[in-house]
N, C-alpha and C. Protein backbone atom coordinates (compact mmCIF):
# COMPACT_ATOMS: atom_id res chain seq x y z
N MET A 1 -7.10 -3.25 28.75
CA MET A 1 -6.81 -4.72 28.18
C MET A 1 -7.38 -5.59 29.15
N VAL A 2 -7.84 -6.77 28.59
CA VAL A 2 -8.56 -7.68 29.45
C VAL A 2 -8.03 -9.01 29.26
N ILE A 3 -7.43 -9.58 30.19
CA ILE A 3 -6.52 -10.85 30.12
C ILE A 3 -7.57 -12.10 31.02
N PHE A 4 -7.82 -13.02 30.37
CA PHE A 4 -8.42 -14.10 31.05
C PHE A 4 -9.46 -13.53 31.91
N GLY A 5 -10.44 -12.34 31.23
CA GLY A 5 -11.61 -11.87 31.87
C GLY A 5 -11.15 -10.81 32.81
N VAL A 6 -10.23 -10.56 33.06
CA VAL A 6 -9.53 -9.67 34.42
C VAL A 6 -9.11 -8.36 33.25
N GLU A 7 -9.90 -7.29 33.97
CA GLU A 7 -8.99 -6.11 33.47
C GLU A 7 -7.49 -6.00 33.74
N ALA A 8 -6.67 -5.54 33.11
CA ALA A 8 -5.48 -5.45 33.34
C ALA A 8 -4.70 -4.00 32.64
N LYS A 9 -3.94 -3.31 33.30
CA LYS A 9 -3.44 -2.04 32.96
C LYS A 9 -1.99 -2.79 32.09
N PRO A 10 -1.74 -1.92 31.28
CA PRO A 10 -0.39 -2.46 30.43
C PRO A 10 0.79 -2.10 31.61
N VAL A 11 1.75 -2.79 31.59
CA VAL A 11 2.96 -2.70 32.29
C VAL A 11 3.75 -1.34 32.14
N TYR A 12 3.85 -1.09 30.68
CA TYR A 12 4.66 0.17 30.19
C TYR A 12 4.02 0.60 28.93
N SER A 13 4.35 1.81 28.69
CA SER A 13 4.01 2.35 27.27
C SER A 13 5.32 3.01 26.88
N TRP A 14 5.43 2.89 25.35
CA TRP A 14 6.69 3.20 24.68
C TRP A 14 6.07 4.23 23.50
N LEU A 15 6.91 5.33 23.50
CA LEU A 15 6.88 6.21 22.48
C LEU A 15 8.36 6.44 21.88
N GLN A 16 8.41 6.18 20.34
CA GLN A 16 9.71 6.33 19.78
C GLN A 16 9.48 7.21 18.92
N GLU A 17 10.29 8.12 18.52
CA GLU A 17 10.69 9.08 17.64
C GLU A 17 11.96 8.82 16.85
N ASP A 18 12.14 9.88 15.80
CA ASP A 18 13.67 9.63 15.14
C ASP A 18 14.59 9.62 16.16
N SER A 19 14.94 10.45 17.00
CA SER A 19 16.10 10.36 17.86
C SER A 19 16.01 10.12 19.31
N SER A 20 14.51 9.71 19.76
CA SER A 20 14.40 9.57 21.01
C SER A 20 13.35 8.47 21.38
N ILE A 21 13.29 7.92 22.70
CA ILE A 21 12.40 6.74 23.13
C ILE A 21 12.16 7.24 24.31
N ILE A 22 10.66 7.33 24.64
CA ILE A 22 10.09 7.44 25.88
C ILE A 22 9.36 6.26 26.23
N VAL A 23 10.01 5.51 27.49
CA VAL A 23 9.37 4.22 28.23
C VAL A 23 8.80 4.78 29.47
N SER A 24 7.57 4.53 29.65
CA SER A 24 6.63 5.02 31.15
C SER A 24 6.22 3.89 31.66
N PHE A 25 6.64 3.84 33.15
CA PHE A 25 6.00 2.77 33.74
C PHE A 25 5.29 3.40 34.93
N GLU A 26 4.04 2.90 35.56
CA GLU A 26 3.39 3.25 36.45
C GLU A 26 3.58 2.75 37.71
N LEU A 27 4.15 3.67 38.90
CA LEU A 27 4.89 3.11 40.09
C LEU A 27 3.80 2.85 41.35
N PRO A 28 4.31 1.96 42.22
CA PRO A 28 3.26 1.62 43.39
C PRO A 28 3.62 3.07 44.06
N ALA A 29 2.48 3.55 44.79
CA ALA A 29 2.38 4.69 45.65
C ALA A 29 3.87 4.83 46.52
N GLU A 30 4.43 5.86 46.69
CA GLU A 30 5.50 5.97 47.74
C GLU A 30 7.06 5.46 47.11
N THR A 31 7.05 5.17 45.97
CA THR A 31 7.96 4.72 45.14
C THR A 31 9.28 5.81 45.30
N VAL A 32 10.20 5.48 45.62
CA VAL A 32 11.40 6.41 45.52
C VAL A 32 12.24 6.22 44.79
N LYS A 33 13.37 7.02 44.13
CA LYS A 33 14.47 6.80 43.20
C LYS A 33 15.15 5.51 43.35
N SER A 34 15.52 5.22 44.66
CA SER A 34 16.17 4.21 45.18
C SER A 34 15.67 2.92 44.92
N ASP A 35 14.37 2.75 44.65
CA ASP A 35 13.66 1.35 44.38
C ASP A 35 13.74 1.09 43.16
N VAL A 36 13.90 2.08 42.10
CA VAL A 36 13.99 1.67 40.79
C VAL A 36 15.57 1.34 40.40
N GLU A 37 15.43 -0.09 39.57
CA GLU A 37 16.66 -0.42 39.14
C GLU A 37 16.69 -0.36 37.56
N PHE A 38 17.49 0.66 37.07
CA PHE A 38 17.67 1.00 35.70
C PHE A 38 19.15 0.48 35.19
N HIS A 39 19.27 -0.19 34.29
CA HIS A 39 20.55 -0.22 33.68
C HIS A 39 20.43 -0.01 32.03
N LEU A 40 21.46 0.81 31.62
CA LEU A 40 21.17 0.99 30.16
C LEU A 40 22.65 0.69 29.57
N SER A 41 22.95 0.01 28.44
CA SER A 41 24.05 0.13 27.90
C SER A 41 23.87 0.52 26.32
N ALA A 42 25.03 0.59 25.57
CA ALA A 42 24.87 0.92 24.36
C ALA A 42 23.68 0.12 23.51
N GLY A 43 23.57 -1.05 23.69
CA GLY A 43 22.55 -1.92 23.05
C GLY A 43 21.42 -2.71 23.96
N SER A 44 21.31 -2.22 25.21
CA SER A 44 20.35 -3.15 26.08
C SER A 44 19.69 -2.04 27.19
N MET A 45 18.62 -2.24 27.50
CA MET A 45 18.11 -1.73 28.59
C MET A 45 17.37 -2.85 29.51
N THR A 46 17.27 -2.36 30.92
CA THR A 46 16.69 -3.36 31.98
C THR A 46 16.12 -2.25 32.64
N VAL A 47 14.76 -2.12 33.13
CA VAL A 47 14.07 -1.42 34.11
C VAL A 47 13.20 -2.37 35.03
N GLY A 48 13.62 -2.27 36.35
CA GLY A 48 12.82 -3.11 37.24
C GLY A 48 12.66 -2.33 38.61
N LEU A 49 11.99 -2.97 39.51
CA LEU A 49 11.81 -2.15 40.95
C LEU A 49 12.40 -3.40 42.00
N ARG A 50 12.94 -3.06 42.90
CA ARG A 50 13.52 -3.78 43.81
C ARG A 50 12.38 -5.14 44.56
N GLU A 51 11.08 -4.51 44.61
CA GLU A 51 10.07 -5.24 45.28
C GLU A 51 9.60 -6.10 44.37
N LEU A 52 9.50 -5.56 43.04
CA LEU A 52 8.86 -6.54 41.89
C LEU A 52 9.76 -7.18 41.06
N GLY A 53 10.79 -6.98 41.00
CA GLY A 53 11.92 -7.53 39.74
C GLY A 53 11.94 -6.82 38.66
N ILE A 54 12.16 -7.40 37.60
CA ILE A 54 12.31 -6.68 36.14
C ILE A 54 11.00 -6.50 35.56
N LEU A 55 10.69 -5.18 34.91
CA LEU A 55 9.56 -5.14 34.38
C LEU A 55 9.74 -5.11 33.07
N LEU A 56 10.93 -4.78 32.30
CA LEU A 56 11.37 -4.81 31.18
C LEU A 56 12.45 -4.97 30.88
N SER A 57 13.11 -5.97 29.94
CA SER A 57 14.53 -6.18 29.50
C SER A 57 14.66 -6.48 28.23
N GLY A 58 15.63 -5.92 27.58
CA GLY A 58 15.86 -6.45 26.26
C GLY A 58 16.75 -5.79 25.40
N ASP A 59 17.43 -6.18 24.45
CA ASP A 59 18.15 -5.68 23.48
C ASP A 59 17.45 -4.41 22.90
N LEU A 60 18.05 -3.28 22.53
CA LEU A 60 17.71 -2.21 21.57
C LEU A 60 18.10 -2.31 20.13
N TYR A 61 17.07 -1.95 19.11
CA TYR A 61 17.49 -1.81 17.90
C TYR A 61 18.70 -1.41 17.07
N GLY A 62 18.87 -0.17 17.99
CA GLY A 62 20.26 0.28 17.59
C GLY A 62 20.95 0.97 18.69
N LYS A 63 22.26 1.24 18.38
CA LYS A 63 22.97 1.70 19.58
C LYS A 63 22.38 3.19 20.28
N VAL A 64 22.60 3.02 21.46
CA VAL A 64 22.25 4.70 22.43
C VAL A 64 23.41 5.22 22.97
N ASP A 65 23.28 6.30 22.88
CA ASP A 65 24.28 7.39 23.69
C ASP A 65 23.88 7.66 25.00
N ILE A 66 24.63 6.72 25.61
CA ILE A 66 24.22 6.61 27.17
C ILE A 66 24.36 7.72 27.97
N ASN A 67 25.38 8.56 27.52
CA ASN A 67 25.61 9.82 28.35
C ASN A 67 24.49 11.14 27.86
N ALA A 68 23.85 10.46 26.86
CA ALA A 68 22.88 11.44 26.43
C ALA A 68 21.30 11.19 26.98
N SER A 69 21.25 10.13 27.72
CA SER A 69 20.24 9.55 28.08
C SER A 69 19.79 9.70 29.66
N SER A 70 18.75 9.53 30.01
CA SER A 70 18.31 9.81 31.69
C SER A 70 17.01 9.31 31.84
N TRP A 71 16.56 9.37 32.92
CA TRP A 71 15.67 8.70 33.53
C TRP A 71 14.79 9.59 34.95
N ILE A 72 13.43 9.87 34.89
CA ILE A 72 13.07 10.57 36.09
C ILE A 72 11.85 9.86 36.57
N ILE A 73 11.48 10.38 38.09
CA ILE A 73 10.25 9.88 38.45
C ILE A 73 9.33 11.16 38.65
N THR A 74 8.10 11.09 37.97
CA THR A 74 7.10 12.28 37.89
C THR A 74 5.69 11.50 38.21
N ASP A 75 4.86 12.21 39.16
CA ASP A 75 3.63 11.55 39.28
C ASP A 75 3.49 10.04 39.29
N ASN A 76 4.28 9.51 40.09
CA ASN A 76 4.45 8.05 40.19
C ASN A 76 4.62 7.27 38.86
N ARG A 77 5.29 7.72 37.86
CA ARG A 77 5.75 7.16 36.79
C ARG A 77 7.22 7.50 36.66
N VAL A 78 8.00 6.44 36.12
CA VAL A 78 9.06 6.51 35.61
C VAL A 78 9.37 6.45 34.35
């Protein structure tokens, strides 16, 4: 993606299927789980990093089963 003549990477990618959603963010090197701020409620989600602030925040289209949801860090992605 090019914004104002500068090459820019997307902040996140989003994959949604019938019963699941996968949102993926590229993280700075050396990011650990405690650096990630993740909040999920039945109807909204917020993802951020302590050093950078909120990366994505908003209401979800439908209700989410919080107990069936999780997040991980793999290969500098959350």
